[in-house]
Amino acid sequence: MHVKSNIELMSVSKDYGQTKAVDAVDLVVSPGECLALVGHNGAGKSTLIKMILGLVRPTDGTVTVMGHDPLTASFNRVRAAIGFLPEQVLFQNNMTGRETLEFYARL
């Protein structure tokens, strides 16, 4: 399958009650392109990434990653081909090293 864009967001918004975390973002990241999200705390960078990964449902708009909707079961195959390194990795004190590795492997 030939994918025209790796990531495509069309009019993507996310509201948390009265707070608009992301407001009508349009974005296309084509194969071979790199993207950096830069902004102050609270600008919506993490929320945007969470929507791209399918961890948060957009209030409005559509997200497509490698030709798939991150909120569908078909996206599970895509997850195996992508990586995400968060700004902070917090290890749980109640998990052993093995449990931590298994947890992150499942993600």
PDB file of N, CA and C in Angstrom:
ATOM      1  N   MET A   1       0.830  -1.173   0.000  1.00  0.00           N
ATOM      2  CA  MET A   1       0.000   0.000   0.000  1.00  0.00           C
ATOM      3  C   MET A   1       0.880   1.244   0.000  1.00  0.00           C
ATOM      4  N   HIS A   2       0.607   2.166  -0.888  1.00  0.00           N
ATOM      5  CA  HIS A   2       1.342   3.425  -0.957  1.00  0.00           C
ATOM      6  C   HIS A   2       0.588   4.465  -0.133  1.00  0.00           C
ATOM      7  N   VAL A   3       1.249   5.061   0.829  1.00  0.00           N
ATOM      8  CA  VAL A   3       0.645   6.071   1.690  1.00  0.00           C
ATOM      9  C   VAL A   3       1.171   7.440   1.266  1.00  0.00           C
ATOM     10  N   LYS A   4       0.259   8.372   0.972  1.00  0.00           N
ATOM     11  CA  LYS A   4       0.643   9.712   0.530  1.00  0.00           C
ATOM     12  C   LYS A   4       1.179  10.546   1.684  1.00  0.00           C
ATOM     13  N   SER A   5       0.648  10.333   2.883  1.00  0.00           N
ATOM     14  CA  SER A   5       1.128  11.075   4.046  1.00  0.00           C
ATOM     15  C   SER A   5       1.217  10.131   5.237  1.00  0.00           C
ATOM     16  N   ASN A   6       2.196  10.373   6.086  1.00  0.00           N
ATOM     17  CA  ASN A   6       2.321   9.580   7.296  1.00  0.00           C
ATOM     18  C   ASN A   6       1.321  10.025   8.343  1.00  0.00           C
ATOM     19  N   ILE A   7       1.126  11.326   8.438  1.00  0.00           N
ATOM     20  CA  ILE A   7       0.194  11.895   9.412  1.00  0.00           C
ATOM     21  C   ILE A   7      -0.628  12.962   8.716  1.00  0.00           C
ATOM     22  N   GLU A   8      -1.941  12.912   8.924  1.00  0.00           N
ATOM     23  CA  GLU A   8      -2.809  13.933   8.363  1.00  0.00           C
ATOM     24  C   GLU A   8      -3.879  14.296   9.386  1.00  0.00           C
ATOM     25  N   LEU A   9      -3.945  15.570   9.715  1.00  0.00           N
ATOM     26  CA  LEU A   9      -4.963  16.091  10.617  1.00  0.00           C
ATOM     27  C   LEU A   9      -5.780  17.104   9.844  1.00  0.00           C
ATOM     28  N   MET A  10      -7.096  16.961   9.924  1.00  0.00           N
ATOM     29  CA  MET A  10      -7.989  17.880   9.228  1.00  0.00           C
ATOM     30  C   MET A  10      -8.951  18.497  10.237  1.00  0.00           C
ATOM     31  N   SER A  11      -8.789  19.795  10.483  1.00  0.00           N
ATOM     32  CA  SER A  11      -9.655  20.558  11.398  1.00  0.00           C
ATOM     33  C   SER A  11      -9.785  19.882  12.759  1.00  0.00           C
ATOM     34  N   VAL A  12      -8.669  19.416  13.309  1.00  0.00           N
ATOM     35  CA  VAL A  12      -8.681  18.677  14.569  1.00  0.00           C
ATOM     36  C   VAL A  12      -8.731  19.636  15.754  1.00  0.00           C
ATOM     37  N   SER A  13      -9.692  19.380  16.632  1.00  0.00           N
ATOM     38  CA  SER A  13      -9.854  20.162  17.854  1.00  0.00           C
ATOM     39  C   SER A  13     -10.054  19.215  19.027  1.00  0.00           C
ATOM     40  N   LYS A  14      -9.680  19.694  20.203  1.00  0.00           N
ATOM     41  CA  LYS A  14      -9.932  18.946  21.427  1.00  0.00           C
ATOM     42  C   LYS A  14     -10.310  19.923  22.517  1.00  0.00           C
ATOM     43  N   ASP A  15     -11.494  19.691  23.085  1.00  0.00           N
ATOM     44  CA  ASP A  15     -11.997  20.516  24.183  1.00  0.00           C
ATOM     45  C   ASP A  15     -12.023  19.684  25.452  1.00  0.00           C
ATOM     46  N   TYR A  16     -11.656  20.316  26.548  1.00  0.00           N
ATOM     47  CA  TYR A  16     -11.832  19.745  27.878  1.00  0.00           C
ATOM     48  C   TYR A  16     -12.755  20.708  28.619  1.00  0.00           C
ATOM     49  N   GLY A  17     -14.039  20.437  28.534  1.00  0.00           N
ATOM     50  CA  GLY A  17     -15.009  21.371  29.110  1.00  0.00           C
ATOM     51  C   GLY A  17     -14.953  22.683  28.374  1.00  0.00           C
ATOM     52  N   GLN A  18     -14.739  23.770  29.099  1.00  0.00           N
ATOM     53  CA  GLN A  18     -14.655  25.109  28.498  1.00  0.00           C
ATOM     54  C   GLN A  18     -13.272  25.405  27.921  1.00  0.00           C
ATOM     55  N   THR A  19     -12.302  24.529  28.200  1.00  0.00           N
ATOM     56  CA  THR A  19     -10.929  24.754  27.735  1.00  0.00           C
ATOM     57  C   THR A  19     -10.707  24.111  26.377  1.00  0.00           C
ATOM     58  N   LYS A  20     -10.242  24.880  25.415  1.00  0.00           N
ATOM     59  CA  LYS A  20      -9.930  24.374  24.088  1.00  0.00           C
ATOM     60  C   LYS A  20      -8.424  24.114  24.047  1.00  0.00           C
ATOM     61  N   ALA A  21      -8.043  22.831  24.148  1.00  0.00           N
ATOM     62  CA  ALA A  21      -6.626  22.456  24.174  1.00  0.00           C
ATOM     63  C   ALA A  21      -6.000  22.534  22.785  1.00  0.00           C
ATOM     64  N   VAL A  22      -6.770  22.157  21.765  1.00  0.00           N
ATOM     65  CA  VAL A  22      -6.316  22.189  20.367  1.00  0.00           C
ATOM     66  C   VAL A  22      -7.459  22.772  19.555  1.00  0.00           C
ATOM     67  N   ASP A  23      -7.167  23.703  18.670  1.00  0.00           N
ATOM     68  CA  ASP A  23      -8.217  24.424  17.952  1.00  0.00           C
ATOM     69  C   ASP A  23      -8.022  24.360  16.442  1.00  0.00           C
ATOM     70  N   ALA A  24      -8.772  23.477  15.787  1.00  0.00           N
ATOM     71  CA  ALA A  24      -8.863  23.401  14.320  1.00  0.00           C
ATOM     72  C   ALA A  24      -7.500  23.313  13.635  1.00  0.00           C
ATOM     73  N   VAL A  25      -6.711  22.315  13.991  1.00  0.00           N
ATOM     74  CA  VAL A  25      -5.377  22.136  13.411  1.00  0.00           C
ATOM     75  C   VAL A  25      -5.478  21.348  12.111  1.00  0.00           C
ATOM     76  N   ASP A  26      -4.848  21.866  11.064  1.00  0.00           N
ATOM     77  CA  ASP A  26      -4.662  21.165   9.798  1.00  0.00           C
ATOM     78  C   ASP A  26      -3.171  20.902   9.661  1.00  0.00           C
ATOM     79  N   LEU A  27      -2.804  19.650   9.378  1.00  0.00           N
ATOM     80  CA  LEU A  27      -1.390  19.294   9.313  1.00  0.00           C
ATOM     81  C   LEU A  27      -1.216  18.072   8.428  1.00  0.00           C
ATOM     82  N   VAL A  28      -0.192  18.098   7.585  1.00  0.00           N
ATOM     83  CA  VAL A  28       0.184  16.929   6.795  1.00  0.00           C
ATOM     84  C   VAL A  28       1.683  16.732   6.952  1.00  0.00           C
ATOM     85  N   VAL A  29       2.070  15.526   7.360  1.00  0.00           N
ATOM     86  CA  VAL A  29       3.478  15.147   7.443  1.00  0.00           C
ATOM     87  C   VAL A  29       3.685  14.026   6.432  1.00  0.00           C
ATOM     88  N   SER A  30       4.422  14.301   5.402  1.00  0.00           N
ATOM     89  CA  SER A  30       4.655  13.348   4.316  1.00  0.00           C
ATOM     90  C   SER A  30       5.826  12.437   4.641  1.00  0.00           C
ATOM     91  N   PRO A  31       5.907  11.280   3.961  1.00  0.00           N
ATOM     92  CA  PRO A  31       7.053  10.390   4.174  1.00  0.00           C
ATOM     93  C   PRO A  31       8.371  11.142   3.964  1.00  0.00           C
ATOM     94  N   GLY A  32       9.312  10.940   4.880  1.00  0.00           N
ATOM     95  CA  GLY A  32      10.616  11.584   4.793  1.00  0.00           C
ATOM     96  C   GLY A  32      10.701  12.930   5.496  1.00  0.00           C
ATOM     97  N   GLU A  33       9.566  13.502   5.872  1.00  0.00           N
ATOM     98  CA  GLU A  33       9.564  14.782   6.568  1.00  0.00           C
ATOM     99  C   GLU A  33       9.716  14.568   8.069  1.00  0.00           C
ATOM    100  N   CYS A  34      10.290  15.568   8.729  1.00  0.00           N
ATOM    101  CA  CYS A  34      10.404  15.588  10.186  1.00  0.00           C
ATOM    102  C   CYS A  34       9.599  16.771  10.697  1.00  0.00           C
ATOM    103  N   LEU A  35       9.043  16.618  11.884  1.00  0.00           N
ATOM    104  CA  LEU A  35       8.222  17.667  12.469  1.00  0.00           C
ATOM    105  C   LEU A  35       8.618  17.855  13.923  1.00  0.00           C
ATOM    106  N   ALA A  36       8.736  19.086  14.347  1.00  0.00           N
ATOM    107  CA  ALA A  36       8.961  19.412  15.755  1.00  0.00           C
ATOM    108  C   ALA A  36       7.787  20.256  16.220  1.00  0.00           C
ATOM    109  N   LEU A  37       7.214  19.886  17.345  1.00  0.00           N
ATOM    110  CA  LEU A  37       6.155  20.684  17.957  1.00  0.00           C
ATOM    111  C   LEU A  37       6.800  21.528  19.047  1.00  0.00           C
ATOM    112  N   VAL A  38       6.719  22.835  18.877  1.00  0.00           N
ATOM    113  CA  VAL A  38       7.366  23.757  19.796  1.00  0.00           C
ATOM    114  C   VAL A  38       6.309  24.712  20.318  1.00  0.00           C
ATOM    115  N   GLY A  39       6.331  24.948  21.609  1.00  0.00           N
ATOM    116  CA  GLY A  39       5.392  25.897  22.198  1.00  0.00           C
ATOM    117  C   GLY A  39       5.499  25.879  23.706  1.00  0.00           C
ATOM    118  N   HIS A  40       4.834  26.809  24.328  1.00  0.00           N
ATOM    119  CA  HIS A  40       4.873  26.926  25.780  1.00  0.00           C
ATOM    120  C   HIS A  40       4.027  25.825  26.425  1.00  0.00           C
ATOM    121  N   ASN A  41       4.184  25.664  27.735  1.00  0.00           N
ATOM    122  CA  ASN A  41       3.355  24.713  28.470  1.00  0.00           C
ATOM    123  C   ASN A  41       1.889  25.077  28.293  1.00  0.00           C
ATOM    124  N   GLY A  42       1.080  24.071  28.002  1.00  0.00           N
ATOM    125  CA  GLY A  42      -0.341  24.311  27.818  1.00  0.00           C
ATOM    126  C   GLY A  42      -0.732  24.681  26.401  1.00  0.00           C
ATOM    127  N   ALA A  43       0.221  24.658  25.466  1.00  0.00           N
ATOM    128  CA  ALA A  43      -0.075  25.043  24.083  1.00  0.00           C
ATOM    129  C   ALA A  43      -0.843  23.965  23.323  1.00  0.00           C
ATOM    130  N   GLY A  44      -0.864  22.714  23.844  1.00  0.00           N
ATOM    131  CA  GLY A  44      -1.603  21.640  23.180  1.00  0.00           C
ATOM    132  C   GLY A  44      -0.726  20.606  22.496  1.00  0.00           C
ATOM    133  N   LYS A  45       0.585  20.704  22.666  1.00  0.00           N
ATOM    134  CA  LYS A  45       1.506  19.769  21.999  1.00  0.00           C
ATOM    135  C   LYS A  45       1.248  18.324  22.414  1.00  0.00           C
ATOM    136  N   SER A  46       1.173  18.077  23.704  1.00  0.00           N
ATOM    137  CA  SER A  46       0.958  16.711  24.195  1.00  0.00           C
ATOM    138  C   SER A  46      -0.407  16.186  23.789  1.00  0.00           C
ATOM    139  N   THR A  47      -1.407  17.038  23.842  1.00  0.00           N
ATOM    140  CA  THR A  47      -2.753  16.629  23.422  1.00  0.00           C
ATOM    141  C   THR A  47      -2.762  16.246  21.952  1.00  0.00           C
ATOM    142  N   LEU A  48      -2.076  17.018  21.126  1.00  0.00           N
ATOM    143  CA  LEU A  48      -1.992  16.719  19.701  1.00  0.00           C
ATOM    144  C   LEU A  48      -1.335  15.355  19.470  1.00  0.00           C
ATOM    145  N   ILE A  49      -0.222  15.096  20.160  1.00  0.00           N
ATOM    146  CA  ILE A  49       0.465  13.813  20.025  1.00  0.00           C
ATOM    147  C   ILE A  49      -0.436  12.679  20.493  1.00  0.00           C
ATOM    148  N   LYS A  50      -1.136  12.876  21.598  1.00  0.00           N
ATOM    149  CA  LYS A  50      -2.035  11.834  22.111  1.00  0.00           C
ATOM    150  C   LYS A  50      -3.154  11.520  21.124  1.00  0.00           C
ATOM    151  N   MET A  51      -3.640  12.521  20.403  1.00  0.00           N
ATOM    152  CA  MET A  51      -4.662  12.267  19.383  1.00  0.00           C
ATOM    153  C   MET A  51      -4.062  11.502  18.210  1.00  0.00           C
ATOM    154  N   ILE A  52      -2.836  11.830  17.820  1.00  0.00           N
ATOM    155  CA  ILE A  52      -2.169  11.126  16.721  1.00  0.00           C
ATOM    156  C   ILE A  52      -1.945   9.661  17.089  1.00  0.00           C
ATOM    157  N   LEU A  53      -1.637   9.390  18.354  1.00  0.00           N
ATOM    158  CA  LEU A  53      -1.402   8.019  18.810  1.00  0.00           C
ATOM    159  C   LEU A  53      -2.691   7.261  19.114  1.00  0.00           C
ATOM    160  N   GLY A  54      -3.817   7.956  19.090  1.00  0.00           N
ATOM    161  CA  GLY A  54      -5.082   7.294  19.382  1.00  0.00           C
ATOM    162  C   GLY A  54      -5.353   7.136  20.867  1.00  0.00           C
ATOM    163  N   LEU A  55      -4.637   7.886  21.700  1.00  0.00           N
ATOM    164  CA  LEU A  55      -4.842   7.811  23.140  1.00  0.00           C
ATOM    165  C   LEU A  55      -5.938   8.758  23.611  1.00  0.00           C
ATOM    166  N   VAL A  56      -6.232   9.769  22.795  1.00  0.00           N
ATOM    167  CA  VAL A  56      -7.271  10.753  23.094  1.00  0.00           C
ATOM    168  C   VAL A  56      -8.103  10.944  21.834  1.00  0.00           C
ATOM    169  N   ARG A  57      -9.411  10.969  21.998  1.00  0.00           N
ATOM    170  CA  ARG A  57     -10.344  11.171  20.871  1.00  0.00           C
ATOM    171  C   ARG A  57     -10.510  12.670  20.623  1.00  0.00           C
ATOM    172  N   PRO A  58     -10.350  13.121  19.380  1.00  0.00           N
ATOM    173  CA  PRO A  58     -10.591  14.539  19.089  1.00  0.00           C
ATOM    174  C   PRO A  58     -12.056  14.899  19.311  1.00  0.00           C
ATOM    175  N   THR A  59     -12.303  16.127  19.711  1.00  0.00           N
ATOM    176  CA  THR A  59     -13.674  16.615  19.822  1.00  0.00           C
ATOM    177  C   THR A  59     -14.252  16.812  18.423  1.00  0.00           C
ATOM    178  N   ASP A  60     -13.425  17.324  17.518  1.00  0.00           N
ATOM    179  CA  ASP A  60     -13.823  17.550  16.119  1.00  0.00           C
ATOM    180  C   ASP A  60     -12.647  17.222  15.209  1.00  0.00           C
ATOM    181  N   GLY A  61     -12.962  16.963  13.940  1.00  0.00           N
ATOM    182  CA  GLY A  61     -11.934  16.740  12.934  1.00  0.00           C
ATOM    183  C   GLY A  61     -11.548  15.282  12.799  1.00  0.00           C
ATOM    184  N   THR A  62     -10.591  15.035  11.891  1.00  0.00           N
ATOM    185  CA  THR A  62     -10.148  13.663  11.632  1.00  0.00           C
ATOM    186  C   THR A  62      -8.626  13.575  11.705  1.00  0.00           C
ATOM    187  N   VAL A  63      -8.174  12.425  12.193  1.00  0.00           N
ATOM    188  CA  VAL A  63      -6.749  12.111  12.289  1.00  0.00           C
ATOM    189  C   VAL A  63      -6.516  10.833  11.506  1.00  0.00           C
ATOM    190  N   THR A  64      -5.501  10.839  10.643  1.00  0.00           N
ATOM    191  CA  THR A  64      -5.114   9.650   9.897  1.00  0.00           C
ATOM    192  C   THR A  64      -3.606   9.474  10.034  1.00  0.00           C
ATOM    193  N   VAL A  65      -3.192   8.264  10.385  1.00  0.00           N
ATOM    194  CA  VAL A  65      -1.774   7.952  10.525  1.00  0.00           C
ATOM    195  C   VAL A  65      -1.483   6.736   9.658  1.00  0.00           C
ATOM    196  N   MET A  66      -0.617   6.920   8.675  1.00  0.00           N
ATOM    197  CA  MET A  66      -0.254   5.859   7.739  1.00  0.00           C
ATOM    198  C   MET A  66      -1.503   5.191   7.145  1.00  0.00           C
ATOM    199  N   GLY A  67      -2.477   6.029   6.813  1.00  0.00           N
ATOM    200  CA  GLY A  67      -3.693   5.566   6.154  1.00  0.00           C
ATOM    201  C   GLY A  67      -4.752   4.998   7.076  1.00  0.00           C
ATOM    202  N   HIS A  68      -4.549   5.067   8.393  1.00  0.00           N
ATOM    203  CA  HIS A  68      -5.498   4.480   9.342  1.00  0.00           C
ATOM    204  C   HIS A  68      -5.973   5.507  10.367  1.00  0.00           C
ATOM    205  N   ASP A  69      -7.177   5.318  10.841  1.00  0.00           N
ATOM    206  CA  ASP A  69      -7.713   6.105  11.944  1.00  0.00           C
ATOM    207  C   ASP A  69      -7.146   5.519  13.234  1.00  0.00           C
ATOM    208  N   PRO A  70      -6.447   6.310  14.053  1.00  0.00           N
ATOM    209  CA  PRO A  70      -5.843   5.782  15.284  1.00  0.00           C
ATOM    210  C   PRO A  70      -6.842   5.231  16.290  1.00  0.00           C
ATOM    211  N   LEU A  71      -8.122   5.513  16.112  1.00  0.00           N
ATOM    212  CA  LEU A  71      -9.128   5.037  17.057  1.00  0.00           C
ATOM    213  C   LEU A  71      -9.767   3.717  16.642  1.00  0.00           C
ATOM    214  N   THR A  72      -9.308   3.120  15.534  1.00  0.00           N
ATOM    215  CA  THR A  72      -9.884   1.864  15.073  1.00  0.00           C
ATOM    216  C   THR A  72      -8.951   0.688  15.360  1.00  0.00           C
ATOM    217  N   ALA A  73      -9.511  -0.510  15.335  1.00  0.00           N
ATOM    218  CA  ALA A  73      -8.727  -1.723  15.595  1.00  0.00           C
ATOM    219  C   ALA A  73      -7.630  -1.922  14.558  1.00  0.00           C
ATOM    220  N   SER A  74      -7.846  -1.470  13.328  1.00  0.00           N
ATOM    221  CA  SER A  74      -6.829  -1.646  12.286  1.00  0.00           C
ATOM    222  C   SER A  74      -5.546  -0.886  12.603  1.00  0.00           C
ATOM    223  N   PHE A  75      -5.632   0.110  13.478  1.00  0.00           N
ATOM    224  CA  PHE A  75      -4.461   0.901  13.837  1.00  0.00           C
ATOM    225  C   PHE A  75      -3.473   0.102  14.687  1.00  0.00           C
ATOM    226  N   ASN A  76      -3.912  -0.979  15.302  1.00  0.00           N
ATOM    227  CA  ASN A  76      -3.012  -1.793  16.125  1.00  0.00           C
ATOM    228  C   ASN A  76      -1.821  -2.292  15.320  1.00  0.00           C
ATOM    229  N   ARG A  77      -2.030  -2.615  14.049  1.00  0.00           N
ATOM    230  CA  ARG A  77      -0.915  -3.046  13.185  1.00  0.00           C
ATOM    231  C   ARG A  77       0.058  -1.896  12.954  1.00  0.00           C
ATOM    232  N   VAL A  78      -0.457  -0.688  12.844  1.00  0.00           N
ATOM    233  CA  VAL A  78       0.384   0.481  12.617  1.00  0.00           C
ATOM    234  C   VAL A  78       1.221   0.784  13.860  1.00  0.00           C
ATOM    235  N   ARG A  79       0.623   0.597  15.045  1.00  0.00           N
ATOM    236  CA  ARG A  79       1.351   0.878  16.293  1.00  0.00           C
ATOM    237  C   ARG A  79       2.667   0.122  16.369  1.00  0.00           C
ATOM    238  N   ALA A  80       2.711  -1.065  15.782  1.00  0.00           N
ATOM    239  CA  ALA A  80       3.941  -1.862  15.808  1.00  0.00           C
ATOM    240  C   ALA A  80       5.045  -1.222  14.968  1.00  0.00           C
ATOM    241  N   ALA A  81       4.683  -0.291  14.073  1.00  0.00           N
ATOM    242  CA  ALA A  81       5.655   0.314  13.160  1.00  0.00           C
ATOM    243  C   ALA A  81       6.047   1.741  13.549  1.00  0.00           C
ATOM    244  N   ILE A  82       5.446   2.259  14.620  1.00  0.00           N
ATOM    245  CA  ILE A  82       5.760   3.630  15.015  1.00  0.00           C
ATOM    246  C   ILE A  82       6.354   3.634  16.416  1.00  0.00           C
ATOM    247  N   GLY A  83       7.037   4.705  16.730  1.00  0.00           N
ATOM    248  CA  GLY A  83       7.600   4.856  18.061  1.00  0.00           C
ATOM    249  C   GLY A  83       7.258   6.213  18.620  1.00  0.00           C
ATOM    250  N   PHE A  84       7.232   6.280  19.935  1.00  0.00           N
ATOM    251  CA  PHE A  84       6.938   7.531  20.623  1.00  0.00           C
ATOM    252  C   PHE A  84       7.817   7.594  21.855  1.00  0.00           C
ATOM    253  N   LEU A  85       8.561   8.675  21.986  1.00  0.00           N
ATOM    254  CA  LEU A  85       9.399   8.887  23.150  1.00  0.00           C
ATOM    255  C   LEU A  85       8.887  10.125  23.865  1.00  0.00           C
ATOM    256  N   PRO A  86       8.236   9.928  25.012  1.00  0.00           N
ATOM    257  CA  PRO A  86       7.694  11.086  25.725  1.00  0.00           C
ATOM    258  C   PRO A  86       8.806  11.942  26.318  1.00  0.00           C
ATOM    259  N   GLU A  87       8.440  13.166  26.632  1.00  0.00           N
ATOM    260  CA  GLU A  87       9.397  14.098  27.223  1.00  0.00           C
ATOM    261  C   GLU A  87       9.908  13.573  28.555  1.00  0.00           C
ATOM    262  N   GLN A  88       9.004  13.001  29.340  1.00  0.00           N
ATOM    263  CA  GLN A  88       9.369  12.437  30.628  1.00  0.00           C
ATOM    264  C   GLN A  88       8.889  10.999  30.680  1.00  0.00           C
ATOM    265  N   VAL A  89       9.733  10.120  31.159  1.00  0.00           N
ATOM    266  CA  VAL A  89       9.327   8.741  31.404  1.00  0.00           C
ATOM    267  C   VAL A  89       9.284   8.571  32.909  1.00  0.00           C
ATOM    268  N   LEU A  90       8.110   8.266  33.417  1.00  0.00           N
ATOM    269  CA  LEU A  90       7.947   8.079  34.854  1.00  0.00           C
ATOM    270  C   LEU A  90       7.765   6.596  35.133  1.00  0.00           C
ATOM    271  N   PHE A  91       8.640   6.038  35.915  1.00  0.00           N
ATOM    272  CA  PHE A  91       8.549   4.631  36.271  1.00  0.00           C
ATOM    273  C   PHE A  91       7.711   4.487  37.537  1.00  0.00           C
ATOM    274  N   GLN A  92       6.859   3.484  37.538  1.00  0.00           N
ATOM    275  CA  GLN A  92       5.996   3.237  38.679  1.00  0.00           C
ATOM    276  C   GLN A  92       6.778   2.496  39.760  1.00  0.00           C
ATOM    277  N   ASN A  93       6.695   2.972  40.990  1.00  0.00           N
ATOM    278  CA  ASN A  93       7.402   2.336  42.096  1.00  0.00           C
ATOM    279  C   ASN A  93       6.834   0.963  42.440  1.00  0.00           C
ATOM    280  N   ASN A  94       5.577   0.717  42.074  1.00  0.00           N
ATOM    281  CA  ASN A  94       4.941  -0.550  42.427  1.00  0.00           C
ATOM    282  C   ASN A  94       5.121  -1.622  41.353  1.00  0.00           C
ATOM    283  N   MET A  95       5.952  -1.374  40.340  1.00  0.00           N
ATOM    284  CA  MET A  95       6.189  -2.347  39.275  1.00  0.00           C
ATOM    285  C   MET A  95       7.649  -2.783  39.290  1.00  0.00           C
ATOM    286  N   THR A  96       7.866  -4.080  39.063  1.00  0.00           N
ATOM    287  CA  THR A  96       9.238  -4.573  38.945  1.00  0.00           C
ATOM    288  C   THR A  96       9.807  -4.120  37.604  1.00  0.00           C
ATOM    289  N   GLY A  97      11.105  -4.311  37.411  1.00  0.00           N
ATOM    290  CA  GLY A  97      11.717  -3.982  36.130  1.00  0.00           C
ATOM    291  C   GLY A  97      11.091  -4.757  34.993  1.00  0.00           C
ATOM    292  N   ARG A  98      10.870  -6.046  35.189  1.00  0.00           N
ATOM    293  CA  ARG A  98      10.234  -6.882  34.155  1.00  0.00           C
ATOM    294  C   ARG A  98       8.823  -6.382  33.842  1.00  0.00           C
ATOM    295  N   GLU A  99       8.053  -6.060  34.879  1.00  0.00           N
ATOM    296  CA  GLU A  99       6.686  -5.569  34.668  1.00  0.00           C
ATOM    297  C   GLU A  99       6.703  -4.248  33.903  1.00  0.00           C
ATOM    298  N   THR A 100       7.663  -3.397  34.193  1.00  0.00           N
ATOM    299  CA  THR A 100       7.781  -2.123  33.488  1.00  0.00           C
ATOM    300  C   THR A 100       8.093  -2.346  32.018  1.00  0.00           C
ATOM    301  N   LEU A 101       9.039  -3.218  31.716  1.00  0.00           N
ATOM    302  CA  LEU A 101       9.389  -3.514  30.319  1.00  0.00           C
ATOM    303  C   LEU A 101       8.187  -4.125  29.590  1.00  0.00           C
ATOM    304  N   GLU A 102       7.483  -5.048  30.238  1.00  0.00           N
ATOM    305  CA  GLU A 102       6.311  -5.667  29.603  1.00  0.00           C
ATOM    306  C   GLU A 102       5.222  -4.639  29.349  1.00  0.00           C
ATOM    307  N   PHE A 103       5.036  -3.721  30.299  1.00  0.00           N
ATOM    308  CA  PHE A 103       4.051  -2.674  30.140  1.00  0.00           C
ATOM    309  C   PHE A 103       4.356  -1.812  28.915  1.00  0.00           C
ATOM    310  N   TYR A 104       5.603  -1.327  28.823  1.00  0.00           N
ATOM    311  CA  TYR A 104       5.967  -0.469  27.690  1.00  0.00           C
ATOM    312  C   TYR A 104       6.000  -1.235  26.381  1.00  0.00           C
ATOM    313  N   ALA A 105       6.302  -2.508  26.400  1.00  0.00           N
ATOM    314  CA  ALA A 105       6.256  -3.324  25.187  1.00  0.00           C
ATOM    315  C   ALA A 105       4.827  -3.440  24.676  1.00  0.00           C
ATOM    316  N   ARG A 106       3.861  -3.557  25.596  1.00  0.00           N
ATOM    317  CA  ARG A 106       2.449  -3.640  25.185  1.00  0.00           C
ATOM    318  C   ARG A 106       1.962  -2.333  24.597  1.00  0.00           C
ATOM    319  N   LEU A 107       2.492  -1.203  25.081  1.00  0.00           N
ATOM    320  CA  LEU A 107       2.083   0.085  24.524  1.00  0.00           C
ATOM    321  C   LEU A 107       2.446   0.176  23.068  1.00  0.00           C
TER     322      LEU A 107
END
